[in-house]
């Protein structure tokens, strides 16, 4: 597949791999899709999925950083509002995250300052990954 169809296939593949519990594999797939930076309206949702995969693979800092990147790149999107809530949940689990994330915001802002933002979420998007609940007793790792 090429163009948007290629990215839709990659999105669905990463989604299915994650939902099968292979979170580490899903992390690589989501990051690859995000790094390709396709002009697709569901890229912000990919950030939410990527963050979840990082969280469930045990990388809370990476999960929070993915949410920060989503909020910097797409501040007007509904997914960014969901990212704020998800980040707050992670900050409750790991009290060191806030201090570790602070210097990253400037770096992310500089990196994405010339990226034109997607203005609105697609119709029907609720920006919530259909996923299992986070396991706070294990730090989110499964």
N, C-alpha and C. Protein backbone atom coordinates (compact mmCIF):
# COMPACT_ATOMS: atom_id res chain seq x y z
N UNK A 1 0.82 -1.20 0.00
CA UNK A 1 0.00 0.00 0.00
C UNK A 1 0.87 1.26 0.00
N UNK A 2 0.29 2.32 -0.51
CA UNK A 2 0.99 3.60 -0.55
C UNK A 2 0.08 4.69 0.02
N UNK A 3 0.70 5.85 0.30
CA UNK A 3 -0.04 7.01 0.76
C UNK A 3 -0.79 6.77 2.05
N UNK A 4 -1.98 7.34 2.13
CA UNK A 4 -2.78 7.26 3.36
C UNK A 4 -3.13 5.82 3.71
N UNK A 5 -3.37 4.99 2.70
CA UNK A 5 -3.71 3.58 2.96
C UNK A 5 -2.55 2.88 3.69
N UNK A 6 -1.33 3.18 3.29
CA UNK A 6 -0.16 2.60 3.96
C UNK A 6 -0.18 2.94 5.45
N UNK A 7 -0.43 4.20 5.77
CA UNK A 7 -0.41 4.62 7.16
C UNK A 7 -1.61 4.07 7.93
N UNK A 8 -2.75 3.92 7.26
CA UNK A 8 -3.89 3.29 7.92
C UNK A 8 -3.56 1.84 8.28
N UNK A 9 -2.89 1.14 7.37
CA UNK A 9 -2.48 -0.24 7.64
C UNK A 9 -1.48 -0.30 8.79
N UNK A 10 -0.52 0.60 8.80
CA UNK A 10 0.45 0.64 9.89
C UNK A 10 -0.23 0.95 11.22
N UNK A 11 -1.18 1.85 11.20
CA UNK A 11 -1.93 2.21 12.41
C UNK A 11 -2.64 0.98 12.96
N UNK A 12 -3.39 0.30 12.09
CA UNK A 12 -4.15 -0.87 12.53
C UNK A 12 -3.24 -2.00 13.00
N UNK A 13 -2.13 -2.19 12.33
CA UNK A 13 -1.19 -3.23 12.74
C UNK A 13 -0.63 -2.94 14.14
N UNK A 14 -0.20 -1.71 14.36
CA UNK A 14 0.32 -1.34 15.68
C UNK A 14 -0.76 -1.49 16.74
N UNK A 15 -1.96 -1.09 16.41
CA UNK A 15 -3.08 -1.21 17.34
C UNK A 15 -3.31 -2.68 17.73
N UNK A 16 -3.35 -3.55 16.75
CA UNK A 16 -3.61 -4.96 17.01
C UNK A 16 -2.46 -5.62 17.78
N UNK A 17 -1.23 -5.26 17.44
CA UNK A 17 -0.08 -5.82 18.16
C UNK A 17 -0.14 -5.40 19.63
N UNK A 18 -0.45 -4.16 19.89
CA UNK A 18 -0.58 -3.70 21.28
C UNK A 18 -1.70 -4.40 22.00
N UNK A 19 -2.84 -4.52 21.36
CA UNK A 19 -3.98 -5.15 22.02
C UNK A 19 -3.76 -6.63 22.26
N UNK A 20 -2.81 -7.21 21.56
CA UNK A 20 -2.48 -8.62 21.81
C UNK A 20 -1.51 -8.75 22.99
N UNK A 21 -1.13 -7.60 23.57
CA UNK A 21 -0.26 -7.62 24.74
C UNK A 21 1.22 -7.52 24.42
N UNK A 22 1.55 -7.34 23.16
CA UNK A 22 2.96 -7.22 22.75
C UNK A 22 3.32 -5.73 22.71
N UNK A 23 3.32 -5.14 23.90
CA UNK A 23 3.47 -3.69 24.03
C UNK A 23 4.80 -3.18 23.52
N UNK A 24 5.88 -3.89 23.76
CA UNK A 24 7.20 -3.43 23.30
C UNK A 24 7.27 -3.36 21.78
N UNK A 25 6.67 -4.34 21.13
CA UNK A 25 6.61 -4.31 19.66
C UNK A 25 5.76 -3.15 19.19
N UNK A 26 4.66 -2.93 19.87
CA UNK A 26 3.76 -1.84 19.50
C UNK A 26 4.46 -0.49 19.63
N UNK A 27 5.31 -0.34 20.66
CA UNK A 27 6.06 0.91 20.84
C UNK A 27 6.84 1.24 19.59
N UNK A 28 7.56 0.26 19.07
CA UNK A 28 8.39 0.48 17.88
C UNK A 28 7.51 0.85 16.68
N UNK A 29 6.39 0.17 16.54
CA UNK A 29 5.49 0.44 15.41
C UNK A 29 4.87 1.83 15.50
N UNK A 30 4.42 2.21 16.70
CA UNK A 30 3.84 3.54 16.85
C UNK A 30 4.87 4.62 16.58
N UNK A 31 6.08 4.47 17.12
CA UNK A 31 7.11 5.49 16.91
C UNK A 31 7.47 5.61 15.44
N UNK A 32 7.51 4.48 14.75
CA UNK A 32 7.79 4.50 13.31
C UNK A 32 6.73 5.29 12.55
N UNK A 33 5.48 5.07 12.90
CA UNK A 33 4.39 5.81 12.26
C UNK A 33 4.50 7.30 12.56
N UNK A 34 4.76 7.64 13.81
CA UNK A 34 4.88 9.06 14.19
C UNK A 34 6.08 9.69 13.50
N UNK A 35 7.20 8.99 13.45
CA UNK A 35 8.40 9.53 12.81
C UNK A 35 8.21 9.75 11.31
N UNK A 36 7.36 8.95 10.69
CA UNK A 36 7.08 9.14 9.26
C UNK A 36 6.34 10.46 9.04
N UNK A 37 5.71 10.99 10.09
CA UNK A 37 5.02 12.27 10.08
C UNK A 37 4.06 12.41 8.89
N UNK A 38 3.22 11.40 8.70
CA UNK A 38 2.30 11.50 7.56
C UNK A 38 1.26 12.58 7.79
N UNK A 39 0.74 13.10 6.73
CA UNK A 39 -0.30 14.12 6.79
C UNK A 39 -1.66 13.42 6.91
N UNK A 40 -1.91 12.87 8.10
CA UNK A 40 -3.14 12.13 8.36
C UNK A 40 -3.80 12.71 9.60
N UNK A 41 -5.11 12.73 9.60
CA UNK A 41 -5.82 13.36 10.71
C UNK A 41 -5.81 12.53 11.99
N UNK A 42 -5.39 11.28 11.92
CA UNK A 42 -5.38 10.45 13.12
C UNK A 42 -3.98 10.32 13.73
N UNK A 43 -3.03 11.12 13.30
CA UNK A 43 -1.70 11.10 13.92
C UNK A 43 -1.76 11.46 15.41
N UNK A 44 -2.56 12.44 15.83
CA UNK A 44 -2.65 12.71 17.28
C UNK A 44 -3.15 11.49 18.07
N UNK A 45 -4.07 10.74 17.51
CA UNK A 45 -4.54 9.52 18.18
C UNK A 45 -3.41 8.50 18.28
N UNK A 46 -2.54 8.47 17.27
CA UNK A 46 -1.39 7.56 17.32
C UNK A 46 -0.50 7.89 18.51
N UNK A 47 -0.37 9.17 18.83
CA UNK A 47 0.41 9.56 20.01
C UNK A 47 -0.20 8.98 21.30
N UNK A 48 -1.53 9.01 21.41
CA UNK A 48 -2.17 8.44 22.59
C UNK A 48 -1.90 6.95 22.68
N UNK A 49 -2.00 6.28 21.56
CA UNK A 49 -1.74 4.84 21.52
C UNK A 49 -0.27 4.55 21.84
N UNK A 50 0.62 5.35 21.29
CA UNK A 50 2.06 5.21 21.55
C UNK A 50 2.35 5.38 23.04
N UNK A 51 1.76 6.40 23.64
CA UNK A 51 1.96 6.63 25.06
C UNK A 51 1.48 5.44 25.88
N UNK A 52 0.34 4.91 25.53
CA UNK A 52 -0.19 3.76 26.25
C UNK A 52 0.74 2.56 26.12
N UNK A 53 1.25 2.32 24.92
CA UNK A 53 2.16 1.19 24.72
C UNK A 53 3.43 1.37 25.55
N UNK A 54 3.95 2.59 25.60
CA UNK A 54 5.12 2.86 26.44
C UNK A 54 4.81 2.60 27.91
N UNK A 55 3.68 3.09 28.36
CA UNK A 55 3.24 2.90 29.74
C UNK A 55 3.16 1.41 30.06
N UNK A 56 2.47 0.67 29.23
CA UNK A 56 2.25 -0.75 29.51
C UNK A 56 3.52 -1.58 29.32
N UNK A 57 4.51 -1.03 28.64
CA UNK A 57 5.79 -1.74 28.54
C UNK A 57 6.73 -1.32 29.67
N UNK A 58 6.26 -0.43 30.54
CA UNK A 58 7.03 -0.05 31.72
C UNK A 58 7.79 1.24 31.63
N UNK A 59 7.65 1.98 30.54
CA UNK A 59 8.39 3.23 30.36
C UNK A 59 7.47 4.42 30.64
N UNK A 60 7.33 4.77 31.92
CA UNK A 60 6.44 5.86 32.30
C UNK A 60 6.94 7.20 31.79
N UNK A 61 8.25 7.42 31.84
CA UNK A 61 8.79 8.68 31.34
C UNK A 61 8.51 8.82 29.84
N UNK A 62 8.76 7.77 29.10
CA UNK A 62 8.49 7.80 27.66
C UNK A 62 7.02 8.05 27.38
N UNK A 63 6.14 7.42 28.17
CA UNK A 63 4.70 7.62 28.00
C UNK A 63 4.32 9.08 28.23
N UNK A 64 4.86 9.66 29.30
CA UNK A 64 4.56 11.06 29.61
C UNK A 64 5.15 11.98 28.54
N UNK A 65 6.34 11.66 28.06
CA UNK A 65 6.98 12.48 27.03
C UNK A 65 6.19 12.44 25.72
N UNK A 66 5.65 11.28 25.38
CA UNK A 66 4.81 11.19 24.17
C UNK A 66 3.57 12.07 24.31
N UNK A 67 2.99 12.12 25.49
CA UNK A 67 1.83 12.98 25.73
C UNK A 67 2.22 14.45 25.63
N UNK A 68 3.38 14.79 26.16
CA UNK A 68 3.88 16.18 26.04
C UNK A 68 4.05 16.56 24.57
N UNK A 69 4.62 15.65 23.79
CA UNK A 69 4.84 15.92 22.37
C UNK A 69 3.51 16.12 21.66
N UNK A 70 2.54 15.30 21.98
CA UNK A 70 1.20 15.46 21.41
C UNK A 70 0.63 16.84 21.74
N UNK A 71 0.76 17.26 23.00
CA UNK A 71 0.21 18.55 23.41
C UNK A 71 0.93 19.72 22.74
N UNK A 72 2.22 19.58 22.50
CA UNK A 72 2.99 20.64 21.82
C UNK A 72 2.61 20.70 20.34
N UNK A 73 2.53 19.55 19.70
CA UNK A 73 2.27 19.53 18.25
C UNK A 73 0.83 19.88 17.90
N UNK A 74 -0.12 19.41 18.69
CA UNK A 74 -1.54 19.54 18.34
C UNK A 74 -2.35 20.09 19.51
N UNK A 75 -2.03 21.30 19.98
CA UNK A 75 -2.69 21.83 21.18
C UNK A 75 -4.20 22.03 21.03
N UNK A 76 -4.69 22.22 19.82
CA UNK A 76 -6.12 22.49 19.63
C UNK A 76 -6.95 21.21 19.45
N UNK A 77 -6.29 20.08 19.40
CA UNK A 77 -7.00 18.83 19.17
C UNK A 77 -7.58 18.27 20.47
N UNK A 78 -8.68 17.56 20.34
CA UNK A 78 -9.30 16.92 21.50
C UNK A 78 -8.34 15.91 22.14
N UNK A 79 -7.50 15.30 21.32
CA UNK A 79 -6.52 14.34 21.84
C UNK A 79 -5.56 15.02 22.82
N UNK A 80 -5.25 16.29 22.58
CA UNK A 80 -4.36 17.02 23.49
C UNK A 80 -5.03 17.23 24.84
N UNK A 81 -6.32 17.46 24.83
CA UNK A 81 -7.04 17.60 26.11
C UNK A 81 -7.04 16.27 26.87
N UNK A 82 -7.20 15.18 26.15
CA UNK A 82 -7.14 13.85 26.78
C UNK A 82 -5.73 13.58 27.29
N UNK A 83 -4.72 14.05 26.56
CA UNK A 83 -3.33 13.86 26.97
C UNK A 83 -3.03 14.53 28.31
N UNK A 84 -3.65 15.67 28.55
CA UNK A 84 -3.46 16.36 29.83
C UNK A 84 -3.91 15.45 30.98
N UNK A 85 -5.07 14.85 30.83
CA UNK A 85 -5.59 13.96 31.87
C UNK A 85 -4.71 12.72 32.06
N UNK A 86 -4.30 12.14 30.96
CA UNK A 86 -3.45 10.95 31.03
C UNK A 86 -2.10 11.27 31.67
N UNK A 87 -1.54 12.43 31.32
CA UNK A 87 -0.26 12.84 31.91
C UNK A 87 -0.42 13.01 33.42
N UNK A 88 -1.52 13.60 33.85
CA UNK A 88 -1.75 13.77 35.29
C UNK A 88 -1.78 12.42 36.00
N UNK A 89 -2.38 11.43 35.39
CA UNK A 89 -2.40 10.09 35.97
C UNK A 89 -0.98 9.55 36.13
N UNK A 90 -0.15 9.74 35.11
CA UNK A 90 1.23 9.27 35.18
C UNK A 90 2.02 10.02 36.26
N UNK A 91 1.77 11.31 36.39
CA UNK A 91 2.46 12.10 37.41
C UNK A 91 2.11 11.63 38.82
N UNK A 92 0.92 11.11 38.99
CA UNK A 92 0.54 10.56 40.29
C UNK A 92 1.27 9.26 40.60
N UNK A 93 1.55 8.49 39.57
CA UNK A 93 2.23 7.22 39.74
C UNK A 93 3.72 7.42 40.03
N UNK A 94 4.33 8.36 39.31
CA UNK A 94 5.78 8.62 39.47
C UNK A 94 5.97 10.11 39.76
N UNK A 95 6.27 10.41 41.00
CA UNK A 95 6.40 11.80 41.45
C UNK A 95 7.62 12.51 40.84
N UNK A 96 8.56 11.77 40.23
CA UNK A 96 9.74 12.40 39.64
C UNK A 96 9.50 12.88 38.21
N UNK A 97 8.41 12.47 37.62
CA UNK A 97 8.17 12.78 36.20
C UNK A 97 8.09 14.27 35.91
N UNK A 98 7.43 15.03 36.76
CA UNK A 98 7.24 16.46 36.49
C UNK A 98 8.57 17.17 36.31
N UNK A 99 9.50 16.92 37.21
CA UNK A 99 10.81 17.57 37.12
C UNK A 99 11.59 17.08 35.90
N UNK A 100 11.43 15.82 35.57
CA UNK A 100 12.15 15.27 34.42
C UNK A 100 11.56 15.74 33.09
N UNK A 101 10.28 16.03 33.07
CA UNK A 101 9.62 16.48 31.84
C UNK A 101 9.84 17.97 31.56
N UNK A 102 10.00 18.76 32.60
CA UNK A 102 10.08 20.22 32.44
C UNK A 102 11.07 20.66 31.37
N UNK A 103 12.32 20.19 31.38
CA UNK A 103 13.26 20.65 30.35
C UNK A 103 12.92 20.13 28.94
N UNK A 104 12.15 19.07 28.87
CA UNK A 104 11.79 18.50 27.57
C UNK A 104 10.78 19.36 26.82
N UNK A 105 9.97 20.11 27.55
CA UNK A 105 8.95 20.94 26.89
C UNK A 105 9.58 21.96 25.95
N UNK A 106 10.66 22.59 26.38
CA UNK A 106 11.35 23.57 25.54
C UNK A 106 11.94 22.90 24.30
N UNK A 107 12.51 21.74 24.49
CA UNK A 107 13.09 21.00 23.37
C UNK A 107 12.01 20.62 22.37
N UNK A 108 10.89 20.13 22.87
CA UNK A 108 9.78 19.75 21.98
C UNK A 108 9.20 20.96 21.26
N UNK A 109 9.06 22.06 21.97
CA UNK A 109 8.52 23.28 21.35
C UNK A 109 9.41 23.74 20.21
N UNK A 110 10.71 23.70 20.42
CA UNK A 110 11.66 24.10 19.38
C UNK A 110 11.60 23.13 18.19
N UNK A 111 11.53 21.85 18.49
CA UNK A 111 11.50 20.83 17.44
C UNK A 111 10.28 20.99 16.53
N UNK A 112 9.13 21.30 17.12
CA UNK A 112 7.89 21.30 16.35
C UNK A 112 7.34 22.70 16.06
N UNK A 113 8.13 23.74 16.26
CA UNK A 113 7.60 25.09 16.09
C UNK A 113 7.16 25.42 14.66
N UNK A 114 7.68 24.72 13.67
CA UNK A 114 7.31 25.00 12.28
C UNK A 114 6.31 23.98 11.73
N UNK A 115 5.78 23.14 12.58
CA UNK A 115 4.81 22.15 12.14
C UNK A 115 3.43 22.76 12.15
N UNK A 116 2.76 22.79 11.00
CA UNK A 116 1.40 23.32 11.00
C UNK A 116 0.49 22.37 11.78
N UNK A 117 -0.24 22.89 12.75
CA UNK A 117 -1.10 22.03 13.57
C UNK A 117 -2.35 21.60 12.82
N UNK A 118 -2.85 20.43 13.16
CA UNK A 118 -4.16 20.00 12.70
C UNK A 118 -5.15 20.74 13.60
N UNK A 119 -6.11 21.41 13.03
CA UNK A 119 -6.97 22.30 13.79
C UNK A 119 -8.04 21.56 14.59
N UNK A 120 -8.75 20.69 13.97
CA UNK A 120 -9.87 20.05 14.65
C UNK A 120 -9.76 18.54 14.58
N UNK A 121 -10.39 17.88 15.52
CA UNK A 121 -10.44 16.43 15.50
C UNK A 121 -11.44 15.97 14.46
N UNK A 122 -11.20 14.82 13.87
CA UNK A 122 -12.17 14.31 12.90
C UNK A 122 -13.52 14.05 13.57
N UNK A 123 -14.60 14.11 12.82
CA UNK A 123 -15.92 13.85 13.40
C UNK A 123 -15.96 12.47 14.05
N UNK A 124 -16.57 12.41 15.22
CA UNK A 124 -16.75 11.13 15.89
C UNK A 124 -15.57 10.67 16.73
N UNK A 125 -14.49 11.41 16.72
CA UNK A 125 -13.32 11.02 17.51
C UNK A 125 -13.55 11.37 18.96
N UNK A 126 -13.33 10.40 19.85
CA UNK A 126 -13.43 10.72 21.28
C UNK A 126 -12.06 10.75 21.93
N UNK A 127 -11.01 10.46 21.20
CA UNK A 127 -9.63 10.55 21.65
C UNK A 127 -9.31 9.66 22.85
N UNK A 128 -10.04 8.60 22.99
CA UNK A 128 -9.77 7.70 24.10
C UNK A 128 -9.42 6.33 23.54
N UNK A 129 -8.18 5.87 23.75
CA UNK A 129 -7.85 4.54 23.27
C UNK A 129 -8.73 3.51 23.97
N UNK A 130 -9.27 2.59 23.22
CA UNK A 130 -10.02 1.49 23.81
C UNK A 130 -8.99 0.52 24.37
N UNK A 131 -8.83 0.56 25.67
CA UNK A 131 -7.71 -0.19 26.24
C UNK A 131 -8.03 -0.70 27.63
N UNK A 132 -7.21 -1.64 28.07
CA UNK A 132 -7.35 -2.09 29.45
C UNK A 132 -6.93 -0.98 30.41
N UNK A 133 -7.38 -1.08 31.64
CA UNK A 133 -7.02 -0.09 32.65
C UNK A 133 -5.56 -0.23 33.03
N UNK A 134 -4.96 0.88 33.43
CA UNK A 134 -3.55 0.89 33.83
C UNK A 134 -3.41 0.15 35.14
N UNK A 135 -2.33 -0.57 35.28
CA UNK A 135 -2.03 -1.31 36.50
C UNK A 135 -1.09 -0.48 37.34
N UNK A 136 -1.63 0.36 38.23
CA UNK A 136 -0.80 1.28 38.98
C UNK A 136 0.10 0.59 39.99
N UNK A 137 -0.24 -0.62 40.39
CA UNK A 137 0.60 -1.30 41.37
C UNK A 137 1.91 -1.78 40.78
N UNK A 138 1.96 -1.93 39.45
CA UNK A 138 3.20 -2.38 38.81
C UNK A 138 3.85 -1.29 37.99
N UNK A 139 3.34 -0.07 38.12
CA UNK A 139 3.90 1.02 37.32
C UNK A 139 3.44 0.97 35.89
N UNK A 140 2.39 0.18 35.61
CA UNK A 140 1.83 0.12 34.27
C UNK A 140 2.42 -0.97 33.41
N UNK A 141 3.45 -1.65 33.84
CA UNK A 141 4.06 -2.70 33.03
C UNK A 141 3.22 -3.95 33.10
N UNK A 142 3.13 -4.63 31.98
CA UNK A 142 2.42 -5.91 31.94
C UNK A 142 3.35 -6.97 31.44
